[in-house]
Amino acid sequence: MAIYSYLPPSSSSSRSDVAKRRSQQHRRRSGGGFRRRCVVLVKQQKTRFYIFGRCISMLLCWHDHAIRD
């Protein structure tokens, strides 16, 4: 026989509550990890666009800042 049959009902229900809380915490952690990864990717992309824009503006306006001899 299973050990759960010998435990009172309150113990077995508390075990299921613990299991539910653990699964909810796991879902929160994995969801938070996904959100964090998305935020990191967005920041990286924003940085790349900023650098790309600065390079383009530098290439287009290089003659404005050229040293005249």
PDB file of N, CA and C in Angstrom:
ATOM      1  N   MET A   1       0.832  -1.189   0.000  1.00  0.00           N
ATOM      2  CA  MET A   1       0.000   0.000   0.000  1.00  0.00           C
ATOM      3  C   MET A   1       0.872   1.247   0.000  1.00  0.00           C
ATOM      4  N   ALA A   2       0.296   2.302  -0.498  1.00  0.00           N
ATOM      5  CA  ALA A   2       1.020   3.566  -0.558  1.00  0.00           C
ATOM      6  C   ALA A   2       1.083   4.193   0.819  1.00  0.00           C
ATOM      7  N   ILE A   3       2.101   4.962   1.033  1.00  0.00           N
ATOM      8  CA  ILE A   3       2.274   5.629   2.326  1.00  0.00           C
ATOM      9  C   ILE A   3       1.212   6.705   2.527  1.00  0.00           C
ATOM     10  N   TYR A   4       0.679   7.248   1.435  1.00  0.00           N
ATOM     11  CA  TYR A   4      -0.329   8.297   1.536  1.00  0.00           C
ATOM     12  C   TYR A   4      -1.618   7.784   2.156  1.00  0.00           C
ATOM     13  N   SER A   5      -1.905   6.487   2.034  1.00  0.00           N
ATOM     14  CA  SER A   5      -3.138   5.961   2.611  1.00  0.00           C
ATOM     15  C   SER A   5      -3.084   5.986   4.137  1.00  0.00           C
ATOM     16  N   TYR A   6      -1.903   5.999   4.719  1.00  0.00           N
ATOM     17  CA  TYR A   6      -1.763   6.018   6.167  1.00  0.00           C
ATOM     18  C   TYR A   6      -1.756   7.429   6.741  1.00  0.00           C
ATOM     19  N   LEU A   7      -1.577   8.443   5.894  1.00  0.00           N
ATOM     20  CA  LEU A   7      -1.529   9.816   6.383  1.00  0.00           C
ATOM     21  C   LEU A   7      -2.934  10.388   6.492  1.00  0.00           C
ATOM     22  N   PRO A   8      -3.168  11.256   7.445  1.00  0.00           N
ATOM     23  CA  PRO A   8      -4.478  11.897   7.538  1.00  0.00           C
ATOM     24  C   PRO A   8      -4.716  12.804   6.327  1.00  0.00           C
ATOM     25  N   PRO A   9      -5.982  13.075   5.989  1.00  0.00           N
ATOM     26  CA  PRO A   9      -6.304  13.873   4.800  1.00  0.00           C
ATOM     27  C   PRO A   9      -5.672  15.260   4.806  1.00  0.00           C
ATOM     28  N   SER A  10      -5.530  15.876   5.962  1.00  0.00           N
ATOM     29  CA  SER A  10      -4.951  17.219   6.009  1.00  0.00           C
ATOM     30  C   SER A  10      -3.503  17.207   5.533  1.00  0.00           C
ATOM     31  N   SER A  11      -2.760  16.143   5.826  1.00  0.00           N
ATOM     32  CA  SER A  11      -1.370  16.054   5.397  1.00  0.00           C
ATOM     33  C   SER A  11      -1.266  15.926   3.892  1.00  0.00           C
ATOM     34  N   SER A  12      -2.125  15.105   3.309  1.00  0.00           N
ATOM     35  CA  SER A  12      -2.047  14.898   1.866  1.00  0.00           C
ATOM     36  C   SER A  12      -2.474  16.159   1.115  1.00  0.00           C
ATOM     37  N   SER A  13      -3.445  16.900   1.669  1.00  0.00           N
ATOM     38  CA  SER A  13      -3.840  18.132   0.994  1.00  0.00           C
ATOM     39  C   SER A  13      -2.744  19.180   1.105  1.00  0.00           C
ATOM     40  N   SER A  14      -2.014  19.202   2.227  1.00  0.00           N
ATOM     41  CA  SER A  14      -0.924  20.159   2.349  1.00  0.00           C
ATOM     42  C   SER A  14       0.203  19.806   1.386  1.00  0.00           C
ATOM     43  N   ARG A  15       0.395  18.518   1.122  1.00  0.00           N
ATOM     44  CA  ARG A  15       1.401  18.114   0.143  1.00  0.00           C
ATOM     45  C   ARG A  15       1.029  18.620  -1.246  1.00  0.00           C
ATOM     46  N   SER A  16      -0.243  18.538  -1.593  1.00  0.00           N
ATOM     47  CA  SER A  16      -0.651  19.018  -2.911  1.00  0.00           C
ATOM     48  C   SER A  16      -0.543  20.541  -2.990  1.00  0.00           C
ATOM     49  N   ASP A  17      -0.803  21.221  -1.865  1.00  0.00           N
ATOM     50  CA  ASP A  17      -0.642  22.674  -1.840  1.00  0.00           C
ATOM     51  C   ASP A  17       0.816  23.059  -2.067  1.00  0.00           C
ATOM     52  N   VAL A  18       1.707  22.320  -1.448  1.00  0.00           N
ATOM     53  CA  VAL A  18       3.139  22.584  -1.621  1.00  0.00           C
ATOM     54  C   VAL A  18       3.533  22.366  -3.069  1.00  0.00           C
ATOM     55  N   ALA A  19       3.026  21.306  -3.669  1.00  0.00           N
ATOM     56  CA  ALA A  19       3.337  21.028  -5.079  1.00  0.00           C
ATOM     57  C   ALA A  19       2.798  22.132  -5.982  1.00  0.00           C
ATOM     58  N   LYS A  20       1.605  22.625  -5.673  1.00  0.00           N
ATOM     59  CA  LYS A  20       1.023  23.715  -6.477  1.00  0.00           C
ATOM     60  C   LYS A  20       1.866  24.984  -6.363  1.00  0.00           C
ATOM     61  N   ARG A  21       2.281  25.299  -5.132  1.00  0.00           N
ATOM     62  CA  ARG A  21       3.094  26.497  -4.943  1.00  0.00           C
ATOM     63  C   ARG A  21       4.423  26.386  -5.672  1.00  0.00           C
ATOM     64  N   ARG A  22       5.033  25.203  -5.632  1.00  0.00           N
ATOM     65  CA  ARG A  22       6.304  25.012  -6.326  1.00  0.00           C
ATOM     66  C   ARG A  22       6.135  25.190  -7.831  1.00  0.00           C
ATOM     67  N   SER A  23       5.054  24.657  -8.390  1.00  0.00           N
ATOM     68  CA  SER A  23       4.858  24.798  -9.839  1.00  0.00           C
ATOM     69  C   SER A  23       4.580  26.251 -10.204  1.00  0.00           C
ATOM     70  N   GLN A  24       3.849  26.964  -9.338  1.00  0.00           N
ATOM     71  CA  GLN A  24       3.592  28.381  -9.609  1.00  0.00           C
ATOM     72  C   GLN A  24       4.886  29.182  -9.535  1.00  0.00           C
ATOM     73  N   GLN A  25       5.717  28.868  -8.561  1.00  0.00           N
ATOM     74  CA  GLN A  25       6.994  29.576  -8.449  1.00  0.00           C
ATOM     75  C   GLN A  25       7.862  29.280  -9.658  1.00  0.00           C
ATOM     76  N   HIS A  26       7.843  28.050 -10.123  1.00  0.00           N
ATOM     77  CA  HIS A  26       8.628  27.687 -11.301  1.00  0.00           C
ATOM     78  C   HIS A  26       8.135  28.454 -12.520  1.00  0.00           C
ATOM     79  N   ARG A  27       6.819  28.550 -12.667  1.00  0.00           N
ATOM     80  CA  ARG A  27       6.272  29.295 -13.805  1.00  0.00           C
ATOM     81  C   ARG A  27       6.645  30.767 -13.718  1.00  0.00           C
ATOM     82  N   ARG A  28       6.607  31.333 -12.517  1.00  0.00           N
ATOM     83  CA  ARG A  28       6.983  32.738 -12.362  1.00  0.00           C
ATOM     84  C   ARG A  28       8.442  32.948 -12.729  1.00  0.00           C
ATOM     85  N   ARG A  29       9.300  32.034 -12.258  1.00  0.00           N
ATOM     86  CA  ARG A  29      10.728  32.171 -12.553  1.00  0.00           C
ATOM     87  C   ARG A  29      10.985  32.045 -14.043  1.00  0.00           C
ATOM     88  N   SER A  30      10.368  31.080 -14.682  1.00  0.00           N
ATOM     89  CA  SER A  30      10.624  30.895 -16.110  1.00  0.00           C
ATOM     90  C   SER A  30      10.039  32.062 -16.903  1.00  0.00           C
ATOM     91  N   GLY A  31       8.878  32.585 -16.472  1.00  0.00           N
ATOM     92  CA  GLY A  31       8.294  33.742 -17.145  1.00  0.00           C
ATOM     93  C   GLY A  31       9.166  34.969 -16.955  1.00  0.00           C
ATOM     94  N   GLY A  32       9.718  35.131 -15.755  1.00  0.00           N
ATOM     95  CA  GLY A  32      10.608  36.250 -15.477  1.00  0.00           C
ATOM     96  C   GLY A  32      11.884  36.148 -16.282  1.00  0.00           C
ATOM     97  N   GLY A  33      12.359  34.933 -16.459  1.00  0.00           N
ATOM     98  CA  GLY A  33      13.559  34.718 -17.263  1.00  0.00           C
ATOM     99  C   GLY A  33      13.326  35.083 -18.711  1.00  0.00           C
ATOM    100  N   PHE A  34      12.161  34.740 -19.208  1.00  0.00           N
ATOM    101  CA  PHE A  34      11.819  35.091 -20.591  1.00  0.00           C
ATOM    102  C   PHE A  34      11.720  36.603 -20.739  1.00  0.00           C
ATOM    103  N   ARG A  35      11.079  37.237 -19.773  1.00  0.00           N
ATOM    104  CA  ARG A  35      10.943  38.697 -19.808  1.00  0.00           C
ATOM    105  C   ARG A  35      12.314  39.363 -19.758  1.00  0.00           C
ATOM    106  N   ARG A  36      13.172  38.848 -18.887  1.00  0.00           N
ATOM    107  CA  ARG A  36      14.519  39.405 -18.750  1.00  0.00           C
ATOM    108  C   ARG A  36      15.293  39.268 -20.055  1.00  0.00           C
ATOM    109  N   ARG A  37      15.189  38.090 -20.682  1.00  0.00           N
ATOM    110  CA  ARG A  37      15.880  37.889 -21.966  1.00  0.00           C
ATOM    111  C   ARG A  37      15.363  38.851 -23.017  1.00  0.00           C
ATOM    112  N   CYS A  38      14.050  39.079 -23.041  1.00  0.00           N
ATOM    113  CA  CYS A  38      13.479  40.015 -24.013  1.00  0.00           C
ATOM    114  C   CYS A  38      13.985  41.429 -23.771  1.00  0.00           C
ATOM    115  N   VAL A  39      14.041  41.841 -22.514  1.00  0.00           N
ATOM    116  CA  VAL A  39      14.518  43.184 -22.183  1.00  0.00           C
ATOM    117  C   VAL A  39      15.969  43.344 -22.601  1.00  0.00           C
ATOM    118  N   VAL A  40      16.776  42.319 -22.350  1.00  0.00           N
ATOM    119  CA  VAL A  40      18.190  42.374 -22.731  1.00  0.00           C
ATOM    120  C   VAL A  40      18.326  42.479 -24.245  1.00  0.00           C
ATOM    121  N   LEU A  41      17.542  41.698 -24.980  1.00  0.00           N
ATOM    122  CA  LEU A  41      17.606  41.747 -26.443  1.00  0.00           C
ATOM    123  C   LEU A  41      17.170  43.107 -26.984  1.00  0.00           C
ATOM    124  N   VAL A  42      16.135  43.684 -26.378  1.00  0.00           N
ATOM    125  CA  VAL A  42      15.668  45.004 -26.817  1.00  0.00           C
ATOM    126  C   VAL A  42      16.741  46.058 -26.567  1.00  0.00           C
ATOM    127  N   LYS A  43      17.405  45.990 -25.413  1.00  0.00           N
ATOM    128  CA  LYS A  43      18.468  46.956 -25.113  1.00  0.00           C
ATOM    129  C   LYS A  43      19.632  46.808 -26.078  1.00  0.00           C
ATOM    130  N   GLN A  44      19.983  45.563 -26.392  1.00  0.00           N
ATOM    131  CA  GLN A  44      21.077  45.337 -27.334  1.00  0.00           C
ATOM    132  C   GLN A  44      20.722  45.882 -28.709  1.00  0.00           C
ATOM    133  N   GLN A  45      19.495  45.651 -29.138  1.00  0.00           N
ATOM    134  CA  GLN A  45      19.074  46.137 -30.454  1.00  0.00           C
ATOM    135  C   GLN A  45      19.050  47.660 -30.482  1.00  0.00           C
ATOM    136  N   LYS A  46      18.576  48.257 -29.404  1.00  0.00           N
ATOM    137  CA  LYS A  46      18.553  49.715 -29.314  1.00  0.00           C
ATOM    138  C   LYS A  46      19.968  50.284 -29.409  1.00  0.00           C
ATOM    139  N   THR A  47      20.902  49.636 -28.723  1.00  0.00           N
ATOM    140  CA  THR A  47      22.298  50.068 -28.764  1.00  0.00           C
ATOM    141  C   THR A  47      22.872  49.941 -30.169  1.00  0.00           C
ATOM    142  N   ARG A  48      22.560  48.829 -30.835  1.00  0.00           N
ATOM    143  CA  ARG A  48      23.049  48.638 -32.205  1.00  0.00           C
ATOM    144  C   ARG A  48      22.516  49.711 -33.136  1.00  0.00           C
ATOM    145  N   PHE A  49      21.220  50.034 -33.019  1.00  0.00           N
ATOM    146  CA  PHE A  49      20.653  51.086 -33.866  1.00  0.00           C
ATOM    147  C   PHE A  49      21.282  52.446 -33.572  1.00  0.00           C
ATOM    148  N   TYR A  50      21.561  52.714 -32.302  1.00  0.00           N
ATOM    149  CA  TYR A  50      22.199  53.974 -31.935  1.00  0.00           C
ATOM    150  C   TYR A  50      23.583  54.071 -32.570  1.00  0.00           C
ATOM    151  N   ILE A  51      24.382  53.002 -32.443  1.00  0.00           N
ATOM    152  CA  ILE A  51      25.731  53.005 -33.020  1.00  0.00           C
ATOM    153  C   ILE A  51      25.661  53.107 -34.533  1.00  0.00           C
ATOM    154  N   PHE A  52      24.731  52.376 -35.121  1.00  0.00           N
ATOM    155  CA  PHE A  52      24.563  52.421 -36.582  1.00  0.00           C
ATOM    156  C   PHE A  52      24.201  53.837 -37.040  1.00  0.00           C
ATOM    157  N   GLY A  53      23.294  54.466 -36.324  1.00  0.00           N
ATOM    158  CA  GLY A  53      22.904  55.841 -36.667  1.00  0.00           C
ATOM    159  C   GLY A  53      24.062  56.818 -36.525  1.00  0.00           C
ATOM    160  N   ARG A  54      24.845  56.658 -35.475  1.00  0.00           N
ATOM    161  CA  ARG A  54      26.007  57.546 -35.298  1.00  0.00           C
ATOM    162  C   ARG A  54      27.019  57.351 -36.419  1.00  0.00           C
ATOM    163  N   CYS A  55      27.248  56.101 -36.817  1.00  0.00           N
ATOM    164  CA  CYS A  55      28.198  55.837 -37.905  1.00  0.00           C
ATOM    165  C   CYS A  55      27.708  56.437 -39.220  1.00  0.00           C
ATOM    166  N   ILE A  56      26.429  56.271 -39.505  1.00  0.00           N
ATOM    167  CA  ILE A  56      25.866  56.826 -40.742  1.00  0.00           C
ATOM    168  C   ILE A  56      25.983  58.344 -40.737  1.00  0.00           C
ATOM    169  N   SER A  57      25.622  58.973 -39.613  1.00  0.00           N
ATOM    170  CA  SER A  57      25.714  60.435 -39.563  1.00  0.00           C
ATOM    171  C   SER A  57      27.167  60.894 -39.685  1.00  0.00           C
ATOM    172  N   MET A  58      28.101  60.136 -39.123  1.00  0.00           N
ATOM    173  CA  MET A  58      29.517  60.497 -39.233  1.00  0.00           C
ATOM    174  C   MET A  58      29.972  60.375 -40.690  1.00  0.00           C
ATOM    175  N   LEU A  59      29.548  59.322 -41.383  1.00  0.00           N
ATOM    176  CA  LEU A  59      29.938  59.147 -42.782  1.00  0.00           C
ATOM    177  C   LEU A  59      29.329  60.214 -43.683  1.00  0.00           C
ATOM    178  N   LEU A  60      28.101  60.616 -43.384  1.00  0.00           N
ATOM    179  CA  LEU A  60      27.440  61.624 -44.208  1.00  0.00           C
ATOM    180  C   LEU A  60      27.978  63.030 -43.955  1.00  0.00           C
ATOM    181  N   CYS A  61      28.436  63.280 -42.749  1.00  0.00           N
ATOM    182  CA  CYS A  61      28.851  64.636 -42.380  1.00  0.00           C
ATOM    183  C   CYS A  61      30.352  64.761 -42.169  1.00  0.00           C
ATOM    184  N   TRP A  62      31.135  63.836 -42.657  1.00  0.00           N
ATOM    185  CA  TRP A  62      32.564  63.873 -42.391  1.00  0.00           C
ATOM    186  C   TRP A  62      33.212  65.118 -42.969  1.00  0.00           C
ATOM    187  N   HIS A  63      32.682  65.622 -44.081  1.00  0.00           N
ATOM    188  CA  HIS A  63      33.291  66.792 -44.721  1.00  0.00           C
ATOM    189  C   HIS A  63      33.081  68.051 -43.893  1.00  0.00           C
ATOM    190  N   ASP A  64      32.060  68.118 -43.059  1.00  0.00           N
ATOM    191  CA  ASP A  64      31.819  69.285 -42.211  1.00  0.00           C
ATOM    192  C   ASP A  64      32.903  69.433 -41.143  1.00  0.00           C
ATOM    193  N   HIS A  65      33.496  68.330 -40.733  1.00  0.00           N
ATOM    194  CA  HIS A  65      34.458  68.333 -39.640  1.00  0.00           C
ATOM    195  C   HIS A  65      35.886  68.076 -40.106  1.00  0.00           C
ATOM    196  N   ALA A  66      36.104  68.068 -41.404  1.00  0.00           N
ATOM    197  CA  ALA A  66      37.433  67.787 -41.928  1.00  0.00           C
ATOM    198  C   ALA A  66      38.384  68.933 -41.579  1.00  0.00           C
ATOM    199  N   ILE A  67      39.625  68.555 -41.314  1.00  0.00           N
ATOM    200  CA  ILE A  67      40.650  69.556 -41.004  1.00  0.00           C
ATOM    201  C   ILE A  67      41.081  70.209 -42.303  1.00  0.00           C
ATOM    202  N   ARG A  68      41.009  71.499 -42.308  1.00  0.00           N
ATOM    203  CA  ARG A  68      41.389  72.241 -43.529  1.00  0.00           C
ATOM    204  C   ARG A  68      42.872  72.639 -43.420  1.00  0.00           C
ATOM    205  N   ASP A  69      43.610  72.384 -44.470  1.00  0.00           N
ATOM    206  CA  ASP A  69      45.025  72.756 -44.479  1.00  0.00           C
ATOM    207  C   ASP A  69      45.224  74.071 -45.155  1.00  0.00           C
TER     208      ASP A  69
END
